[in-house]
Amino acid sequence: MASAPRQGRYRLANQILDLARNARFEPGHHLREQQLGDLIGVSRTPVRSALLLLAERGIVEARRNQGFF
């Protein structure tokens, strides 16, 4: 059962990466949770979880009190 949410997190992380590539975000672009959630059709909570996964992997940067870049 625990793998289902984990798979969703990975799937969402890949969707965020696809969005960033397609939108041609420049390095350092501020990734806003609400905006990403609106584009993908999910709430901010799973977006935040996916962004944390990407930050753990060194793909995005998490800045305290500022968000993800």
PDB file of N, CA and C in Angstrom:
ATOM      1  N   MET A   1       0.806  -1.204   0.000  1.00  0.00           N
ATOM      2  CA  MET A   1       0.000   0.000   0.000  1.00  0.00           C
ATOM      3  C   MET A   1       0.849   1.268   0.000  1.00  0.00           C
ATOM      4  N   ALA A   2       1.957   1.257   0.724  1.00  0.00           N
ATOM      5  CA  ALA A   2       2.784   2.453   0.815  1.00  0.00           C
ATOM      6  C   ALA A   2       3.401   2.827  -0.523  1.00  0.00           C
ATOM      7  N   SER A   3       3.498   1.868  -1.442  1.00  0.00           N
ATOM      8  CA  SER A   3       4.127   2.168  -2.727  1.00  0.00           C
ATOM      9  C   SER A   3       3.228   2.994  -3.643  1.00  0.00           C
ATOM     10  N   ALA A   4       1.910   2.920  -3.466  1.00  0.00           N
ATOM     11  CA  ALA A   4       1.002   3.683  -4.329  1.00  0.00           C
ATOM     12  C   ALA A   4       1.213   5.187  -4.192  1.00  0.00           C
ATOM     13  N   PRO A   5       1.251   5.753  -2.973  1.00  0.00           N
ATOM     14  CA  PRO A   5       1.537   7.188  -2.864  1.00  0.00           C
ATOM     15  C   PRO A   5       2.930   7.535  -3.381  1.00  0.00           C
ATOM     16  N   ARG A   6       3.879   6.624  -3.154  1.00  0.00           N
ATOM     17  CA  ARG A   6       5.239   6.873  -3.622  1.00  0.00           C
ATOM     18  C   ARG A   6       5.274   6.936  -5.143  1.00  0.00           C
ATOM     19  N   GLN A   7       4.550   6.022  -5.800  1.00  0.00           N
ATOM     20  CA  GLN A   7       4.499   6.030  -7.264  1.00  0.00           C
ATOM     21  C   GLN A   7       3.854   7.313  -7.768  1.00  0.00           C
ATOM     22  N   GLY A   8       2.822   7.782  -7.087  1.00  0.00           N
ATOM     23  CA  GLY A   8       2.177   9.036  -7.462  1.00  0.00           C
ATOM     24  C   GLY A   8       3.128  10.209  -7.340  1.00  0.00           C
ATOM     25  N   ARG A   9       3.954  10.178  -6.306  1.00  0.00           N
ATOM     26  CA  ARG A   9       4.944  11.235  -6.082  1.00  0.00           C
ATOM     27  C   ARG A   9       5.955  11.266  -7.225  1.00  0.00           C
ATOM     28  N   TYR A  10       6.411  10.084  -7.638  1.00  0.00           N
ATOM     29  CA  TYR A  10       7.364  10.008  -8.751  1.00  0.00           C
ATOM     30  C   TYR A  10       6.710  10.442 -10.062  1.00  0.00           C
ATOM     31  N   ARG A  11       5.478  10.023 -10.268  1.00  0.00           N
ATOM     32  CA  ARG A  11       4.759  10.391 -11.487  1.00  0.00           C
ATOM     33  C   ARG A  11       4.565  11.912 -11.546  1.00  0.00           C
ATOM     34  N   LEU A  12       4.182  12.496 -10.420  1.00  0.00           N
ATOM     35  CA  LEU A  12       3.983  13.941 -10.366  1.00  0.00           C
ATOM     36  C   LEU A  12       5.310  14.679 -10.561  1.00  0.00           C
ATOM     37  N   ALA A  13       6.365  14.157  -9.983  1.00  0.00           N
ATOM     38  CA  ALA A  13       7.687  14.773 -10.169  1.00  0.00           C
ATOM     39  C   ALA A  13       8.056  14.779 -11.652  1.00  0.00           C
ATOM     40  N   ASN A  14       7.772  13.687 -12.342  1.00  0.00           N
ATOM     41  CA  ASN A  14       8.053  13.630 -13.783  1.00  0.00           C
ATOM     42  C   ASN A  14       7.175  14.610 -14.556  1.00  0.00           C
ATOM     43  N   GLN A  15       5.928  14.768 -14.140  1.00  0.00           N
ATOM     44  CA  GLN A  15       5.046  15.743 -14.799  1.00  0.00           C
ATOM     45  C   GLN A  15       5.584  17.155 -14.613  1.00  0.00           C
ATOM     46  N   ILE A  16       6.085  17.454 -13.423  1.00  0.00           N
ATOM     47  CA  ILE A  16       6.653  18.781 -13.160  1.00  0.00           C
ATOM     48  C   ILE A  16       7.882  18.999 -14.046  1.00  0.00           C
ATOM     49  N   LEU A  17       8.722  17.986 -14.157  1.00  0.00           N
ATOM     50  CA  LEU A  17       9.901  18.112 -15.028  1.00  0.00           C
ATOM     51  C   LEU A  17       9.496  18.329 -16.483  1.00  0.00           C
ATOM     52  N   ASP A  18       8.477  17.609 -16.931  1.00  0.00           N
ATOM     53  CA  ASP A  18       7.982  17.784 -18.301  1.00  0.00           C
ATOM     54  C   ASP A  18       7.466  19.204 -18.508  1.00  0.00           C
ATOM     55  N   LEU A  19       6.725  19.712 -17.531  1.00  0.00           N
ATOM     56  CA  LEU A  19       6.218  21.089 -17.622  1.00  0.00           C
ATOM     57  C   LEU A  19       7.363  22.093 -17.717  1.00  0.00           C
ATOM     58  N   ALA A  20       8.361  21.904 -16.871  1.00  0.00           N
ATOM     59  CA  ALA A  20       9.505  22.824 -16.861  1.00  0.00           C
ATOM     60  C   ALA A  20      10.248  22.787 -18.200  1.00  0.00           C
ATOM     61  N   ARG A  21      10.404  21.588 -18.753  1.00  0.00           N
ATOM     62  CA  ARG A  21      11.078  21.473 -20.057  1.00  0.00           C
ATOM     63  C   ARG A  21      10.262  22.122 -21.163  1.00  0.00           C
ATOM     64  N   ASN A  22       8.975  21.809 -21.186  1.00  0.00           N
ATOM     65  CA  ASN A  22       8.111  22.344 -22.242  1.00  0.00           C
ATOM     66  C   ASN A  22       7.975  23.857 -22.165  1.00  0.00           C
ATOM     67  N   ALA A  23       7.981  24.386 -20.946  1.00  0.00           N
ATOM     68  CA  ALA A  23       7.884  25.841 -20.766  1.00  0.00           C
ATOM     69  C   ALA A  23       9.250  26.514 -20.902  1.00  0.00           C
ATOM     70  N   ARG A  24      10.289  25.681 -21.023  1.00  0.00           N
ATOM     71  CA  ARG A  24      11.664  26.170 -21.161  1.00  0.00           C
ATOM     72  C   ARG A  24      12.057  27.122 -20.034  1.00  0.00           C
ATOM     73  N   PHE A  25      11.749  26.688 -18.798  1.00  0.00           N
ATOM     74  CA  PHE A  25      12.144  27.478 -17.627  1.00  0.00           C
ATOM     75  C   PHE A  25      13.654  27.595 -17.590  1.00  0.00           C
ATOM     76  N   GLU A  26      14.124  28.765 -17.287  1.00  0.00           N
ATOM     77  CA  GLU A  26      15.553  29.015 -17.137  1.00  0.00           C
ATOM     78  C   GLU A  26      16.019  28.505 -15.776  1.00  0.00           C
ATOM     79  N   PRO A  27      17.295  28.160 -15.639  1.00  0.00           N
ATOM     80  CA  PRO A  27      17.806  27.791 -14.312  1.00  0.00           C
ATOM     81  C   PRO A  27      17.538  28.932 -13.322  1.00  0.00           C
ATOM     82  N   GLY A  28      17.074  28.567 -12.144  1.00  0.00           N
ATOM     83  CA  GLY A  28      16.757  29.560 -11.127  1.00  0.00           C
ATOM     84  C   GLY A  28      15.319  30.023 -11.143  1.00  0.00           C
ATOM     85  N   HIS A  29      14.520  29.523 -12.087  1.00  0.00           N
ATOM     86  CA  HIS A  29      13.102  29.896 -12.173  1.00  0.00           C
ATOM     87  C   HIS A  29      12.375  29.470 -10.903  1.00  0.00           C
ATOM     88  N   HIS A  30      11.553  30.345 -10.350  1.00  0.00           N
ATOM     89  CA  HIS A  30      10.794  30.028  -9.138  1.00  0.00           C
ATOM     90  C   HIS A  30       9.628  29.115  -9.499  1.00  0.00           C
ATOM     91  N   LEU A  31       9.636  27.921  -8.923  1.00  0.00           N
ATOM     92  CA  LEU A  31       8.581  26.942  -9.164  1.00  0.00           C
ATOM     93  C   LEU A  31       7.511  27.122  -8.094  1.00  0.00           C
ATOM     94  N   ARG A  32       6.422  27.751  -8.444  1.00  0.00           N
ATOM     95  CA  ARG A  32       5.357  28.038  -7.484  1.00  0.00           C
ATOM     96  C   ARG A  32       4.409  26.841  -7.367  1.00  0.00           C
ATOM     97  N   GLU A  33       4.227  26.375  -6.139  1.00  0.00           N
ATOM     98  CA  GLU A  33       3.416  25.188  -5.884  1.00  0.00           C
ATOM     99  C   GLU A  33       1.994  25.344  -6.413  1.00  0.00           C
ATOM    100  N   GLN A  34       1.373  26.478  -6.143  1.00  0.00           N
ATOM    101  CA  GLN A  34      -0.017  26.686  -6.561  1.00  0.00           C
ATOM    102  C   GLN A  34      -0.132  26.691  -8.082  1.00  0.00           C
ATOM    103  N   GLN A  35       0.778  27.361  -8.738  1.00  0.00           N
ATOM    104  CA  GLN A  35       0.753  27.425 -10.194  1.00  0.00           C
ATOM    105  C   GLN A  35       0.939  26.042 -10.808  1.00  0.00           C
ATOM    106  N   LEU A  36       1.888  25.276 -10.294  1.00  0.00           N
ATOM    107  CA  LEU A  36       2.116  23.923 -10.808  1.00  0.00           C
ATOM    108  C   LEU A  36       0.897  23.043 -10.553  1.00  0.00           C
ATOM    109  N   GLY A  37       0.332  23.160  -9.365  1.00  0.00           N
ATOM    110  CA  GLY A  37      -0.861  22.387  -9.034  1.00  0.00           C
ATOM    111  C   GLY A  37      -2.017  22.704  -9.953  1.00  0.00           C
ATOM    112  N   ASP A  38      -2.207  23.988 -10.244  1.00  0.00           N
ATOM    113  CA  ASP A  38      -3.286  24.400 -11.153  1.00  0.00           C
ATOM    114  C   ASP A  38      -3.063  23.833 -12.558  1.00  0.00           C
ATOM    115  N   LEU A  39      -1.831  23.861 -13.022  1.00  0.00           N
ATOM    116  CA  LEU A  39      -1.520  23.367 -14.366  1.00  0.00           C
ATOM    117  C   LEU A  39      -1.705  21.854 -14.477  1.00  0.00           C
ATOM    118  N   ILE A  40      -1.360  21.142 -13.402  1.00  0.00           N
ATOM    119  CA  ILE A  40      -1.433  19.679 -13.435  1.00  0.00           C
ATOM    120  C   ILE A  40      -2.797  19.177 -12.975  1.00  0.00           C
ATOM    121  N   GLY A  41      -3.487  19.977 -12.170  1.00  0.00           N
ATOM    122  CA  GLY A  41      -4.808  19.585 -11.691  1.00  0.00           C
ATOM    123  C   GLY A  41      -4.788  18.866 -10.356  1.00  0.00           C
ATOM    124  N   VAL A  42      -3.831  19.229  -9.498  1.00  0.00           N
ATOM    125  CA  VAL A  42      -3.755  18.662  -8.148  1.00  0.00           C
ATOM    126  C   VAL A  42      -3.568  19.803  -7.154  1.00  0.00           C
ATOM    127  N   SER A  43      -3.688  19.481  -5.864  1.00  0.00           N
ATOM    128  CA  SER A  43      -3.494  20.507  -4.838  1.00  0.00           C
ATOM    129  C   SER A  43      -2.008  20.750  -4.597  1.00  0.00           C
ATOM    130  N   ARG A  44      -1.718  21.736  -3.766  1.00  0.00           N
ATOM    131  CA  ARG A  44      -0.326  22.082  -3.483  1.00  0.00           C
ATOM    132  C   ARG A  44       0.411  21.001  -2.707  1.00  0.00           C
ATOM    133  N   THR A  45      -0.292  20.252  -1.864  1.00  0.00           N
ATOM    134  CA  THR A  45       0.372  19.264  -1.016  1.00  0.00           C
ATOM    135  C   THR A  45       1.123  18.200  -1.815  1.00  0.00           C
ATOM    136  N   PRO A  46       0.501  17.545  -2.794  1.00  0.00           N
ATOM    137  CA  PRO A  46       1.284  16.572  -3.577  1.00  0.00           C
ATOM    138  C   PRO A  46       2.366  17.235  -4.433  1.00  0.00           C
ATOM    139  N   VAL A  47       2.126  18.464  -4.865  1.00  0.00           N
ATOM    140  CA  VAL A  47       3.155  19.187  -5.623  1.00  0.00           C
ATOM    141  C   VAL A  47       4.372  19.409  -4.735  1.00  0.00           C
ATOM    142  N   ARG A  48       4.130  19.829  -3.495  1.00  0.00           N
ATOM    143  CA  ARG A  48       5.230  20.051  -2.555  1.00  0.00           C
ATOM    144  C   ARG A  48       6.008  18.749  -2.326  1.00  0.00           C
ATOM    145  N   SER A  49       5.297  17.653  -2.177  1.00  0.00           N
ATOM    146  CA  SER A  49       5.943  16.356  -1.975  1.00  0.00           C
ATOM    147  C   SER A  49       6.818  15.989  -3.174  1.00  0.00           C
ATOM    148  N   ALA A  50       6.312  16.211  -4.370  1.00  0.00           N
ATOM    149  CA  ALA A  50       7.085  15.919  -5.579  1.00  0.00           C
ATOM    150  C   ALA A  50       8.293  16.848  -5.703  1.00  0.00           C
ATOM    151  N   LEU A  51       8.121  18.111  -5.351  1.00  0.00           N
ATOM    152  CA  LEU A  51       9.240  19.052  -5.402  1.00  0.00           C
ATOM    153  C   LEU A  51      10.306  18.686  -4.376  1.00  0.00           C
ATOM    154  N   LEU A  52       9.885  18.205  -3.204  1.00  0.00           N
ATOM    155  CA  LEU A  52      10.858  17.750  -2.207  1.00  0.00           C
ATOM    156  C   LEU A  52      11.652  16.562  -2.730  1.00  0.00           C
ATOM    157  N   LEU A  53      10.981  15.661  -3.427  1.00  0.00           N
ATOM    158  CA  LEU A  53      11.668  14.531  -4.042  1.00  0.00           C
ATOM    159  C   LEU A  53      12.714  15.028  -5.047  1.00  0.00           C
ATOM    160  N   LEU A  54      12.328  15.980  -5.878  1.00  0.00           N
ATOM    161  CA  LEU A  54      13.265  16.535  -6.858  1.00  0.00           C
ATOM    162  C   LEU A  54      14.423  17.253  -6.172  1.00  0.00           C
ATOM    163  N   ALA A  55      14.149  17.902  -5.047  1.00  0.00           N
ATOM    164  CA  ALA A  55      15.211  18.573  -4.295  1.00  0.00           C
ATOM    165  C   ALA A  55      16.165  17.545  -3.686  1.00  0.00           C
ATOM    166  N   GLU A  56      15.625  16.438  -3.177  1.00  0.00           N
ATOM    167  CA  GLU A  56      16.462  15.371  -2.629  1.00  0.00           C
ATOM    168  C   GLU A  56      17.392  14.807  -3.695  1.00  0.00           C
ATOM    169  N   ARG A  57      16.946  14.800  -4.919  1.00  0.00           N
ATOM    170  CA  ARG A  57      17.724  14.267  -6.034  1.00  0.00           C
ATOM    171  C   ARG A  57      18.657  15.323  -6.647  1.00  0.00           C
ATOM    172  N   GLY A  58      18.576  16.565  -6.153  1.00  0.00           N
ATOM    173  CA  GLY A  58      19.447  17.627  -6.644  1.00  0.00           C
ATOM    174  C   GLY A  58      19.000  18.245  -7.958  1.00  0.00           C
ATOM    175  N   ILE A  59      17.737  18.013  -8.327  1.00  0.00           N
ATOM    176  CA  ILE A  59      17.225  18.527  -9.597  1.00  0.00           C
ATOM    177  C   ILE A  59      16.703  19.952  -9.442  1.00  0.00           C
ATOM    178  N   VAL A  60      16.074  20.212  -8.312  1.00  0.00           N
ATOM    179  CA  VAL A  60      15.629  21.570  -7.995  1.00  0.00           C
ATOM    180  C   VAL A  60      16.268  21.968  -6.669  1.00  0.00           C
ATOM    181  N   GLU A  61      16.244  23.254  -6.393  1.00  0.00           N
ATOM    182  CA  GLU A  61      16.796  23.772  -5.145  1.00  0.00           C
ATOM    183  C   GLU A  61      15.648  24.216  -4.247  1.00  0.00           C
ATOM    184  N   ALA A  62      15.667  23.761  -3.010  1.00  0.00           N
ATOM    185  CA  ALA A  62      14.688  24.187  -2.018  1.00  0.00           C
ATOM    186  C   ALA A  62      15.326  25.253  -1.153  1.00  0.00           C
ATOM    187  N   ARG A  63      14.714  26.429  -1.119  1.00  0.00           N
ATOM    188  CA  ARG A  63      15.230  27.531  -0.294  1.00  0.00           C
ATOM    189  C   ARG A  63      14.239  27.790   0.830  1.00  0.00           C
ATOM    190  N   ARG A  64      14.727  27.751   2.037  1.00  0.00           N
ATOM    191  CA  ARG A  64      13.877  27.946   3.205  1.00  0.00           C
ATOM    192  C   ARG A  64      13.152  29.289   3.126  1.00  0.00           C
ATOM    193  N   ASN A  65      11.854  29.232   3.355  1.00  0.00           N
ATOM    194  CA  ASN A  65      10.967  30.407   3.340  1.00  0.00           C
ATOM    195  C   ASN A  65      10.876  31.098   1.979  1.00  0.00           C
ATOM    196  N   GLN A  66      11.352  30.456   0.942  1.00  0.00           N
ATOM    197  CA  GLN A  66      11.274  31.063  -0.398  1.00  0.00           C
ATOM    198  C   GLN A  66      10.624  30.127  -1.408  1.00  0.00           C
ATOM    199  N   GLY A  67      10.783  28.831  -1.228  1.00  0.00           N
ATOM    200  CA  GLY A  67      10.184  27.883  -2.163  1.00  0.00           C
ATOM    201  C   GLY A  67      11.219  27.085  -2.914  1.00  0.00           C
ATOM    202  N   PHE A  68      10.828  26.694  -4.109  1.00  0.00           N
ATOM    203  CA  PHE A  68      11.663  25.826  -4.946  1.00  0.00           C
ATOM    204  C   PHE A  68      12.075  26.564  -6.206  1.00  0.00           C
ATOM    205  N   PHE A  69      13.308  26.304  -6.630  1.00  0.00           N
ATOM    206  CA  PHE A  69      13.873  26.982  -7.804  1.00  0.00           C
ATOM    207  C   PHE A  69      14.584  25.974  -8.683  1.00  0.00           C
TER     208      PHE A  69
END
